[in-house]
N, C-alpha and C. Protein backbone atom coordinates (compact mmCIF):
# COMPACT_ATOMS: atom_id res chain seq x y z
N UNK A 1 -19.37 30.38 9.95
CA UNK A 1 -18.32 31.24 10.47
C UNK A 1 -18.80 32.72 10.54
N UNK A 2 -19.84 33.10 9.60
CA UNK A 2 -20.40 34.35 9.58
C UNK A 2 -20.97 34.77 10.92
N UNK A 3 -21.62 33.89 11.58
CA UNK A 3 -22.38 34.11 12.86
C UNK A 3 -21.17 34.59 13.95
N UNK A 4 -20.09 33.93 13.89
CA UNK A 4 -18.94 34.23 14.91
C UNK A 4 -18.50 35.76 14.62
N UNK A 5 -18.28 36.09 13.28
CA UNK A 5 -17.83 37.24 12.88
C UNK A 5 -18.80 38.44 13.26
N UNK A 6 -20.14 38.09 13.00
CA UNK A 6 -21.17 39.05 13.27
C UNK A 6 -21.29 39.25 14.77
N UNK A 7 -21.24 38.23 15.63
CA UNK A 7 -21.26 38.35 16.94
C UNK A 7 -20.00 39.22 17.52
N UNK A 8 -18.88 38.85 16.93
CA UNK A 8 -17.72 39.69 17.39
C UNK A 8 -17.92 41.21 16.93
N UNK A 9 -18.37 41.48 15.82
CA UNK A 9 -18.56 42.84 15.35
C UNK A 9 -19.64 43.52 16.34
N UNK A 10 -20.76 42.82 16.53
CA UNK A 10 -21.78 43.47 17.45
C UNK A 10 -21.21 43.64 18.84
N UNK A 11 -20.35 42.68 19.39
CA UNK A 11 -19.74 42.88 20.63
C UNK A 11 -18.81 44.12 20.62
N UNK A 12 -18.12 44.36 19.50
CA UNK A 12 -17.21 45.45 19.36
C UNK A 12 -18.08 46.68 19.38
N UNK A 13 -19.16 46.71 18.66
CA UNK A 13 -20.04 48.02 18.72
C UNK A 13 -20.52 48.18 20.10
N UNK A 14 -21.05 47.09 20.82
CA UNK A 14 -21.48 47.19 22.12
C UNK A 14 -20.50 47.79 22.98
N UNK A 15 -19.27 47.26 22.92
CA UNK A 15 -18.22 47.74 23.72
C UNK A 15 -17.97 49.30 23.49
N UNK A 16 -18.01 49.69 22.23
CA UNK A 16 -17.80 51.07 21.92
C UNK A 16 -19.00 51.92 22.50
N UNK A 17 -20.19 51.46 22.32
CA UNK A 17 -21.36 52.19 22.94
C UNK A 17 -21.33 52.20 24.44
N UNK A 18 -20.96 51.10 25.08
CA UNK A 18 -20.97 51.10 26.49
C UNK A 18 -19.72 52.03 27.05
N UNK A 19 -18.64 51.96 26.40
CA UNK A 19 -17.46 52.93 26.74
C UNK A 19 -17.92 54.28 26.69
N UNK A 20 -18.53 54.68 25.60
CA UNK A 20 -18.90 56.14 25.38
C UNK A 20 -19.99 56.49 26.21
N UNK A 21 -20.93 55.64 26.45
CA UNK A 21 -22.13 55.99 27.38
C UNK A 21 -21.58 56.11 28.91
N UNK A 22 -20.80 55.23 29.19
CA UNK A 22 -20.32 55.26 30.60
C UNK A 22 -19.23 56.32 30.90
N UNK A 23 -18.33 56.51 29.99
CA UNK A 23 -17.22 57.34 30.18
C UNK A 23 -17.54 58.75 29.62
N UNK A 24 -18.15 58.82 28.47
CA UNK A 24 -18.21 60.04 27.73
C UNK A 24 -16.98 60.34 26.98
N UNK A 25 -16.91 61.21 26.07
CA UNK A 25 -15.73 61.55 25.36
C UNK A 25 -15.73 63.00 25.14
N UNK A 26 -14.52 63.53 25.27
CA UNK A 26 -14.38 65.02 24.87
C UNK A 26 -13.12 65.12 24.21
N UNK A 27 -13.05 65.96 23.13
CA UNK A 27 -11.84 66.17 22.37
C UNK A 27 -11.75 67.68 22.22
N UNK A 28 -10.47 67.98 22.02
CA UNK A 28 -10.09 69.42 21.76
C UNK A 28 -9.31 69.51 20.45
N UNK A 29 -9.81 70.23 19.52
CA UNK A 29 -9.09 70.29 18.20
C UNK A 29 -8.84 71.78 17.87
N UNK A 30 -7.50 71.94 17.41
CA UNK A 30 -7.20 73.35 17.03
C UNK A 30 -7.59 73.54 15.49
N UNK A 31 -8.32 74.59 15.17
CA UNK A 31 -8.77 74.84 13.80
C UNK A 31 -8.07 75.95 13.26
N UNK A 32 -7.05 76.61 13.80
CA UNK A 32 -6.40 77.77 13.26
C UNK A 32 -7.18 79.04 13.52
N UNK A 33 -6.72 80.09 12.87
CA UNK A 33 -7.30 81.41 13.15
C UNK A 33 -8.45 81.77 12.35
N UNK A 34 -8.84 80.93 11.39
CA UNK A 34 -9.99 81.21 10.59
C UNK A 34 -11.32 80.82 11.30
N UNK A 35 -12.46 80.84 10.68
CA UNK A 35 -13.72 80.56 11.26
C UNK A 35 -13.64 79.23 11.93
N UNK A 36 -14.07 79.21 13.16
CA UNK A 36 -14.01 77.89 13.90
C UNK A 36 -14.93 76.78 13.27
N UNK A 37 -14.33 75.87 12.64
CA UNK A 37 -15.04 74.86 11.91
C UNK A 37 -14.02 73.72 11.80
N UNK A 38 -14.59 72.56 12.07
CA UNK A 38 -13.72 71.30 11.91
C UNK A 38 -14.29 70.55 10.64
N UNK A 39 -13.45 70.15 9.82
CA UNK A 39 -13.86 69.50 8.54
C UNK A 39 -14.54 68.13 8.90
N UNK A 40 -15.35 67.60 8.01
CA UNK A 40 -15.94 66.33 8.32
C UNK A 40 -14.90 65.23 8.42
N UNK A 41 -13.89 65.25 7.54
CA UNK A 41 -12.84 64.23 7.66
C UNK A 41 -11.96 64.23 8.94
N UNK A 42 -11.68 65.50 9.27
CA UNK A 42 -10.90 65.68 10.52
C UNK A 42 -11.80 65.29 11.77
N UNK A 43 -13.07 65.57 11.69
CA UNK A 43 -13.97 65.20 12.83
C UNK A 43 -14.07 63.77 12.86
N UNK A 44 -14.22 63.01 11.76
CA UNK A 44 -14.19 61.59 11.83
C UNK A 44 -12.96 60.98 12.32
N UNK A 45 -11.93 61.53 12.02
CA UNK A 45 -10.59 61.00 12.58
C UNK A 45 -10.53 61.34 14.09
N UNK A 46 -10.82 62.42 14.54
CA UNK A 46 -10.80 62.79 15.96
C UNK A 46 -11.80 61.86 16.78
N UNK A 47 -13.01 61.72 16.16
CA UNK A 47 -13.98 60.79 16.98
C UNK A 47 -13.50 59.46 17.05
N UNK A 48 -12.98 58.86 15.90
CA UNK A 48 -12.41 57.50 15.99
C UNK A 48 -11.22 57.38 16.92
N UNK A 49 -10.39 58.36 16.93
CA UNK A 49 -9.18 58.37 17.87
C UNK A 49 -9.76 58.39 19.35
N UNK A 50 -10.73 59.23 19.59
CA UNK A 50 -11.24 59.28 21.06
C UNK A 50 -11.91 58.03 21.47
N UNK A 51 -12.76 57.41 20.42
CA UNK A 51 -13.39 56.13 20.80
C UNK A 51 -12.44 55.00 21.12
N UNK A 52 -11.31 54.96 20.31
CA UNK A 52 -10.24 53.96 20.50
C UNK A 52 -9.59 54.16 21.87
N UNK A 53 -9.37 55.43 22.16
CA UNK A 53 -8.66 55.59 23.43
C UNK A 53 -9.62 55.40 24.64
N UNK A 54 -10.85 55.64 24.55
CA UNK A 54 -11.91 55.34 25.59
C UNK A 54 -12.21 53.82 25.80
N UNK A 55 -12.29 53.18 24.76
CA UNK A 55 -12.65 51.77 24.86
C UNK A 55 -11.47 50.80 24.82
N UNK A 56 -10.42 51.24 24.33
CA UNK A 56 -9.27 50.22 24.40
C UNK A 56 -9.37 49.25 23.17
N UNK A 57 -10.28 49.64 22.24
CA UNK A 57 -10.49 48.90 21.00
C UNK A 57 -9.62 49.49 19.94
N UNK A 58 -9.42 48.74 18.80
CA UNK A 58 -8.69 49.35 17.68
C UNK A 58 -9.52 50.61 17.11
N UNK A 59 -8.95 51.54 16.41
CA UNK A 59 -9.56 52.62 15.92
C UNK A 59 -10.73 52.24 14.94
N UNK A 60 -11.90 52.67 15.17
CA UNK A 60 -13.00 52.14 14.34
C UNK A 60 -13.15 53.04 13.14
N UNK A 61 -13.99 52.45 12.08
CA UNK A 61 -14.18 53.19 10.96
C UNK A 61 -15.43 54.13 11.17
N UNK A 62 -15.21 55.47 11.23
CA UNK A 62 -16.13 56.43 11.48
C UNK A 62 -16.25 57.39 10.33
N UNK A 63 -17.49 57.82 9.96
CA UNK A 63 -17.75 58.78 8.87
C UNK A 63 -18.67 59.84 9.37
N UNK A 64 -18.25 61.13 9.12
CA UNK A 64 -19.14 62.24 9.52
C UNK A 64 -19.51 62.94 8.19
N UNK A 65 -20.85 63.05 7.96
CA UNK A 65 -21.25 63.69 6.67
C UNK A 65 -21.13 65.22 6.51
N UNK A 66 -20.83 65.88 7.57
CA UNK A 66 -20.76 67.34 7.47
C UNK A 66 -19.67 67.94 8.51
N UNK A 67 -19.34 69.13 8.20
CA UNK A 67 -18.33 69.83 9.16
C UNK A 67 -19.00 70.17 10.41
N UNK A 68 -18.18 70.24 11.40
CA UNK A 68 -18.75 70.71 12.80
C UNK A 68 -18.36 72.13 12.95
N UNK A 69 -19.38 72.98 13.10
CA UNK A 69 -19.22 74.50 13.34
C UNK A 69 -18.99 74.66 14.78
N UNK A 70 -17.86 75.43 15.09
CA UNK A 70 -17.46 75.73 16.47
C UNK A 70 -18.33 76.68 17.22
N UNK A 71 -19.56 76.28 17.47
CA UNK A 71 -20.38 77.09 18.30
C UNK A 71 -21.11 76.23 19.33
N UNK A 72 -21.00 76.63 20.58
CA UNK A 72 -21.51 75.82 21.73
C UNK A 72 -23.01 75.37 21.50
N UNK A 73 -23.19 74.08 21.60
CA UNK A 73 -24.56 73.56 21.35
C UNK A 73 -24.71 72.91 20.03
N UNK A 74 -23.87 73.19 19.06
CA UNK A 74 -23.98 72.64 17.76
C UNK A 74 -23.76 71.28 17.77
N UNK A 75 -24.70 70.51 17.05
CA UNK A 75 -24.50 68.99 17.05
C UNK A 75 -24.43 68.48 15.53
N UNK A 76 -23.95 67.31 15.43
CA UNK A 76 -23.96 66.62 14.13
C UNK A 76 -23.94 65.18 14.44
N UNK A 77 -24.18 64.34 13.37
CA UNK A 77 -24.28 62.88 13.51
C UNK A 77 -23.07 62.28 12.69
N UNK A 78 -22.56 61.31 13.37
CA UNK A 78 -21.48 60.52 12.71
C UNK A 78 -21.91 59.05 12.78
N UNK A 79 -21.34 58.19 11.89
CA UNK A 79 -21.70 56.75 11.86
C UNK A 79 -20.45 55.87 12.09
N UNK A 80 -20.48 54.96 12.97
CA UNK A 80 -19.34 53.94 13.15
C UNK A 80 -19.81 52.66 12.43
N UNK A 81 -18.96 52.11 11.54
CA UNK A 81 -19.37 50.96 10.78
C UNK A 81 -18.40 49.78 11.15
N UNK A 82 -18.96 48.71 11.59
CA UNK A 82 -18.25 47.53 12.00
C UNK A 82 -17.73 46.66 10.74
N UNK A 83 -16.89 45.84 10.93
CA UNK A 83 -16.45 44.98 9.81
C UNK A 83 -17.49 44.19 9.07
N UNK A 84 -18.60 43.86 9.71
CA UNK A 84 -19.67 43.06 9.09
C UNK A 84 -20.69 44.00 8.46
N UNK A 85 -20.50 45.34 8.49
CA UNK A 85 -21.41 46.38 7.91
C UNK A 85 -22.45 46.85 8.87
N UNK A 86 -22.52 46.36 10.08
CA UNK A 86 -23.50 47.01 11.03
C UNK A 86 -22.97 48.44 11.42
N UNK A 87 -23.90 49.13 11.80
CA UNK A 87 -23.53 50.60 12.18
C UNK A 87 -23.96 50.98 13.49
N UNK A 88 -23.43 52.01 14.08
CA UNK A 88 -23.76 52.61 15.31
C UNK A 88 -23.78 54.06 15.19
N UNK A 89 -24.79 54.82 15.43
CA UNK A 89 -24.94 56.24 15.33
C UNK A 89 -24.18 56.93 16.47
N UNK A 90 -23.62 58.01 16.16
CA UNK A 90 -22.88 58.78 17.22
C UNK A 90 -23.28 60.31 17.20
N UNK A 91 -23.71 60.89 18.20
CA UNK A 91 -24.10 62.24 18.24
C UNK A 91 -22.70 62.94 18.77
N UNK A 92 -22.54 64.09 18.10
CA UNK A 92 -21.26 64.93 18.45
C UNK A 92 -21.84 66.32 18.74
N UNK A 93 -21.51 66.79 19.91
CA UNK A 93 -22.03 68.09 20.37
C UNK A 93 -20.91 68.94 20.92
N UNK A 94 -20.84 70.23 20.41
CA UNK A 94 -19.83 71.08 20.74
C UNK A 94 -20.15 71.65 22.20
N UNK A 95 -19.07 71.52 23.09
CA UNK A 95 -19.35 71.84 24.49
C UNK A 95 -18.73 73.20 24.84
N UNK A 96 -17.64 73.50 24.11
CA UNK A 96 -17.07 74.85 24.34
C UNK A 96 -16.11 75.20 23.18
N UNK A 97 -15.89 76.47 23.03
CA UNK A 97 -14.96 76.99 21.94
C UNK A 97 -14.17 78.05 22.58
N UNK A 98 -12.88 77.92 22.60
CA UNK A 98 -11.94 78.75 23.17
C UNK A 98 -10.85 79.16 22.12
N UNK A 99 -10.98 80.38 21.54
CA UNK A 99 -10.19 80.85 20.45
C UNK A 99 -10.20 79.79 19.35
N UNK A 100 -9.11 78.98 19.19
CA UNK A 100 -9.03 78.04 17.99
C UNK A 100 -9.28 76.62 18.48
N UNK A 101 -9.80 76.48 19.68
CA UNK A 101 -10.02 75.09 20.16
C UNK A 101 -11.54 74.86 20.28
N UNK A 102 -11.96 73.77 19.58
CA UNK A 102 -13.28 73.25 19.73
C UNK A 102 -13.37 71.99 20.53
N UNK A 103 -14.13 71.95 21.58
CA UNK A 103 -14.27 70.82 22.46
C UNK A 103 -15.68 70.31 22.26
N UNK A 104 -15.72 68.94 22.14
CA UNK A 104 -16.98 68.30 21.96
C UNK A 104 -17.13 67.00 22.67
N UNK A 105 -18.44 66.57 22.84
CA UNK A 105 -18.72 65.33 23.54
C UNK A 105 -19.28 64.30 22.50
N UNK A 106 -19.12 63.09 22.65
CA UNK A 106 -19.49 62.03 21.79
C UNK A 106 -20.45 61.18 22.53
N UNK A 107 -21.72 60.92 21.99
CA UNK A 107 -22.60 60.09 22.57
C UNK A 107 -23.17 58.99 21.58
N UNK A 108 -22.92 57.75 21.93
CA UNK A 108 -23.37 56.62 21.08
C UNK A 108 -24.78 56.36 21.28
N UNK A 109 -25.40 56.00 20.16
CA UNK A 109 -26.84 55.54 20.25
C UNK A 109 -26.86 54.21 21.16
N UNK A 110 -28.07 54.01 21.60
CA UNK A 110 -28.28 52.78 22.47
C UNK A 110 -28.15 51.51 21.74
N UNK A 111 -28.52 51.43 20.46
CA UNK A 111 -28.48 50.18 19.70
C UNK A 111 -27.83 50.35 18.35
N UNK A 112 -27.31 49.26 17.93
CA UNK A 112 -26.59 49.30 16.54
C UNK A 112 -27.66 48.80 15.50
N UNK A 113 -27.40 49.23 14.36
CA UNK A 113 -28.30 48.83 13.24
C UNK A 113 -27.54 47.63 12.39
N UNK A 114 -28.32 46.58 12.11
CA UNK A 114 -27.60 45.45 11.48
C UNK A 114 -27.23 45.82 9.95
N UNK A 115 -26.25 45.11 9.57
CA UNK A 115 -25.82 45.24 8.17
C UNK A 115 -26.93 45.09 7.09
N UNK A 116 -26.88 45.87 6.05
CA UNK A 116 -27.91 45.81 5.04
C UNK A 116 -27.80 44.46 4.33
N UNK A 117 -28.82 43.88 3.94
CA UNK A 117 -28.81 42.58 3.24
C UNK A 117 -28.37 42.68 1.77
């Protein structure tokens, strides 16, 4: 049964990658009047929400190791983890900053990494 679950997880990651690559994602997040920065936790939540909306899949498990600074061109990496432990890298790039709004695009890596043994 592990093979079926693994196949389903890889299909899910493939669906996310295809959805992000074909459609692209953009999100706008209000960060208040302080320095334009989006915390790593909030960024992970926003990325997961955008991916779910784009792909029609349930909200994935996404982790982002660092805050996203609201400066056009700034990038960071996040990781989507499937139920079987396989992962898919996500590049997040700031496309615009308007007062307290940070807009960014999400680009999935071409291939997923298998779960660690």
